[in-house]
C-alpha atoms as a PDB file:
ATOM      1  CA  MET A   1      -0.146  -0.304  -0.153  1.00  0.00           C
ATOM      2  CA  THR A   2       0.582   3.676  -1.074  1.00  0.00           C
ATOM      3  CA  ALA A   3       1.656   6.076   1.635  1.00  0.00           C
ATOM      4  CA  PRO A   4      -0.726   8.758   1.426  1.00  0.00           C
ATOM      5  CA  LYS A   5       0.778  12.231   0.378  1.00  0.00           C
ATOM      6  CA  TYR A   6       0.105  15.928   1.934  1.00  0.00           C
ATOM      7  CA  LEU A   7       0.273  19.064   0.249  1.00  0.00           C
ATOM      8  CA  HIS A   8       0.933  22.433   3.114  1.00  0.00           C
ATOM      9  CA  PHE A   9      -0.582  25.314   1.127  1.00  0.00           C
ATOM     10  CA  THR A  10       0.429  28.368   2.267  1.00  0.00           C
ATOM     11  CA  LEU A  11      -0.544  31.919   0.455  1.00  0.00           C
ATOM     12  CA  GLY A  12       1.452  35.142   2.002  1.00  0.00           C
ATOM     13  CA  PRO A  13       2.681  37.269   3.374  1.00  0.00           C
ATOM     14  CA  VAL A  14      -1.270  38.232   4.171  1.00  0.00           C
ATOM     15  CA  GLN A  15       0.336  40.937   6.862  1.00  0.00           C
ATOM     16  CA  GLU A  16       2.447  43.008   4.384  1.00  0.00           C
ATOM     17  CA  PHE A  17      -0.063  42.151   1.621  1.00  0.00           C
ATOM     18  CA  VAL A  18      -3.341  43.553   3.538  1.00  0.00           C
ATOM     19  CA  ALA A  19      -1.335  46.473   5.119  1.00  0.00           C
ATOM     20  CA  GLN A  20      -1.245  48.127   1.924  1.00  0.00           C
ATOM     21  CA  ALA A  21      -4.675  49.147   2.205  1.00  0.00           C
ATOM     22  CA  ARG A  22      -5.809  53.057   2.296  1.00  0.00           C
ATOM     23  CA  ARG A  23      -9.343  52.719   3.098  1.00  0.00           C
ATOM     24  CA  THR A  24     -11.431  50.226   4.078  1.00  0.00           C
ATOM     25  CA  ARG A  25     -12.644  49.141   0.669  1.00  0.00           C
ATOM     26  CA  ASP A  26      -9.383  48.500  -0.020  1.00  0.00           C
ATOM     27  CA  PHE A  27      -8.580  45.913   2.807  1.00  0.00           C
ATOM     28  CA  TRP A  28     -11.573  44.167   2.238  1.00  0.00           C
ATOM     29  CA  ALA A  29     -10.808  43.949  -1.507  1.00  0.00           C
ATOM     30  CA  GLY A  30      -7.219  42.612  -0.643  1.00  0.00           C
ATOM     31  CA  SER A  31      -8.488  40.291   2.007  1.00  0.00           C
ATOM     32  CA  PHE A  32     -11.275  39.325  -0.264  1.00  0.00           C
ATOM     33  CA  LEU A  33      -8.814  38.062  -3.055  1.00  0.00           C
ATOM     34  CA  LEU A  34      -6.404  36.185  -0.890  1.00  0.00           C
ATOM     35  CA  SER A  35      -9.358  34.217   0.429  1.00  0.00           C
ATOM     36  CA  TRP A  36     -10.919  33.767  -3.459  1.00  0.00           C
ATOM     37  CA  LEU A  37      -7.789  32.596  -4.511  1.00  0.00           C
ATOM     38  CA  SER A  38      -6.733  29.921  -1.546  1.00  0.00           C
ATOM     39  CA  ALA A  39     -10.515  28.951  -2.624  1.00  0.00           C
ATOM     40  CA  ILE A  40      -8.893  28.687  -5.563  1.00  0.00           C
ATOM     41  CA  ALA A  41      -6.332  26.094  -5.158  1.00  0.00           C
ATOM     42  CA  MET A  42      -8.672  24.197  -2.569  1.00  0.00           C
ATOM     43  CA  LYS A  43     -10.789  23.287  -5.994  1.00  0.00           C
ATOM     44  CA  THR A  44      -8.355  22.741  -7.694  1.00  0.00           C
ATOM     45  CA  VAL A  45      -7.015  20.317  -5.159  1.00  0.00           C
ATOM     46  CA  GLU A  46     -10.441  18.737  -5.061  1.00  0.00           C
ATOM     47  CA  ASN A  47     -11.264  18.317  -8.699  1.00  0.00           C
ATOM     48  CA  ALA A  48      -7.628  16.186  -9.117  1.00  0.00           C
ATOM     49  CA  GLY A  49      -8.539  13.934  -6.582  1.00  0.00           C
ATOM     50  CA  GLY A  50      -7.078  15.446  -3.557  1.00  0.00           C
ATOM     51  CA  GLU A  51      -9.330  16.043  -0.257  1.00  0.00           C
ATOM     52  CA  ILE A  52      -9.079  18.924   1.790  1.00  0.00           C
ATOM     53  CA  ILE A  53      -8.310  18.115   5.510  1.00  0.00           C
ATOM     54  CA  PHE A  54      -8.080  21.394   7.447  1.00  0.00           C
ATOM     55  CA  PRO A  55      -9.889  23.623   7.472  1.00  0.00           C
ATOM     56  CA  MET A  56     -13.419  22.812   5.877  1.00  0.00           C
ATOM     57  CA  PRO A  57     -14.039  25.449   3.489  1.00  0.00           C
ATOM     58  CA  ASP A  58     -17.372  27.338   3.420  1.00  0.00           C
ATOM     59  CA  PRO A  59     -19.696  25.031   1.142  1.00  0.00           C
ATOM     60  CA  GLY A  60     -21.421  28.442   0.330  1.00  0.00           C
ATOM     61  CA  PHE A  61     -18.241  30.209  -0.491  1.00  0.00           C
ATOM     62  CA  MET A  62     -17.019  27.723  -2.606  1.00  0.00           C
ATOM     63  CA  ALA A  63     -20.100  27.167  -4.373  1.00  0.00           C
ATOM     64  CA  ALA A  64     -19.950  30.548  -5.673  1.00  0.00           C
ATOM     65  CA  LEU A  65     -16.806  29.113  -7.386  1.00  0.00           C
ATOM     66  CA  THR A  66     -18.573  26.079  -9.604  1.00  0.00           C
ATOM     67  CA  GLN A  67     -21.791  28.068  -9.805  1.00  0.00           C
ATOM     68  CA  GLY A  68     -19.287  30.886 -11.344  1.00  0.00           C
ATOM     69  CA  ASN A  69     -22.061  33.504 -10.535  1.00  0.00           C
ATOM     70  CA  ALA A  70     -19.172  36.144  -8.353  1.00  0.00           C
ATOM     71  CA  SER A  71     -22.362  38.020  -7.895  1.00  0.00           C
ATOM     72  CA  SER A  72     -23.961  35.178  -5.302  1.00  0.00           C
ATOM     73  CA  GLN A  73     -24.900  36.374  -1.656  1.00  0.00           C
ATOM     74  CA  ASN A  74     -22.501  32.968  -0.990  1.00  0.00           C
ATOM     75  CA  SER A  75     -19.304  35.078  -2.003  1.00  0.00           C
ATOM     76  CA  LYS A  76     -19.957  38.537  -0.724  1.00  0.00           C
ATOM     77  CA  GLN A  77     -17.458  37.867   2.084  1.00  0.00           C
ATOM     78  CA  GLY A  78     -13.806  35.643   1.628  1.00  0.00           C
ATOM     79  CA  THR A  79     -14.025  32.958   4.303  1.00  0.00           C
ATOM     80  CA  VAL A  80     -11.580  30.598   3.212  1.00  0.00           C
ATOM     81  CA  PRO A  81      -8.079  30.830   5.293  1.00  0.00           C
ATOM     82  CA  ASN A  82      -4.675  31.524   3.690  1.00  0.00           C
ATOM     83  CA  ARG A  83      -3.541  28.459   4.550  1.00  0.00           C
ATOM     84  CA  PHE A  84      -5.096  24.387   3.868  1.00  0.00           C
ATOM     85  CA  MET A  85      -3.379  20.916   4.127  1.00  0.00           C
ATOM     86  CA  ALA A  86      -4.731  18.288   1.473  1.00  0.00           C
ATOM     87  CA  GLU A  87      -4.582  14.370   1.012  1.00  0.00           C
ATOM     88  CA  ILE A  88      -3.282  14.052  -2.290  1.00  0.00           C
ATOM     89  CA  PRO A  89      -3.323  10.956  -4.856  1.00  0.00           C
ATOM     90  CA  ALA A  90      -0.012   9.535  -4.992  1.00  0.00           C
ATOM     91  CA  ALA A  91       0.504   9.949  -8.709  1.00  0.00           C
ATOM     92  CA  MET A  92      -0.873  13.515  -8.421  1.00  0.00           C
ATOM     93  CA  ASP A  93       1.691  16.241 -10.091  1.00  0.00           C
ATOM     94  CA  MET A  94       3.056  18.428  -8.099  1.00  0.00           C
ATOM     95  CA  GLU A  95       4.634  20.760 -10.313  1.00  0.00           C
END
C-alpha cells in the first residue's frame, strides 16, 4: 500500500499585503482576493482527486466557485483562510 501524500498550502505574506490598504474597501478587497485565491487552490486539489483535511471550507463560498457567479450572496465575504492541508493522490503531479 502506498503511503498518502500531503500538501500544505500557504498564501502569503498576508499582513504585508493587506496592510497596504488605504481605505476600508481596499482592505476588504485584498482580504477577499486572498480568500478567493485559496479557495481556487482548494478546488483545484479537489478536482484532481485530493481531499481537504483542514480547514473545512465554507460550502456556500466554494459553491460560488463552481457556479461561476461572483455576485452570488455566497461570495460576498471571503471565508477561506490563506492556508490549508490536503491529502492528495500519489500520482498527482505537483509541478
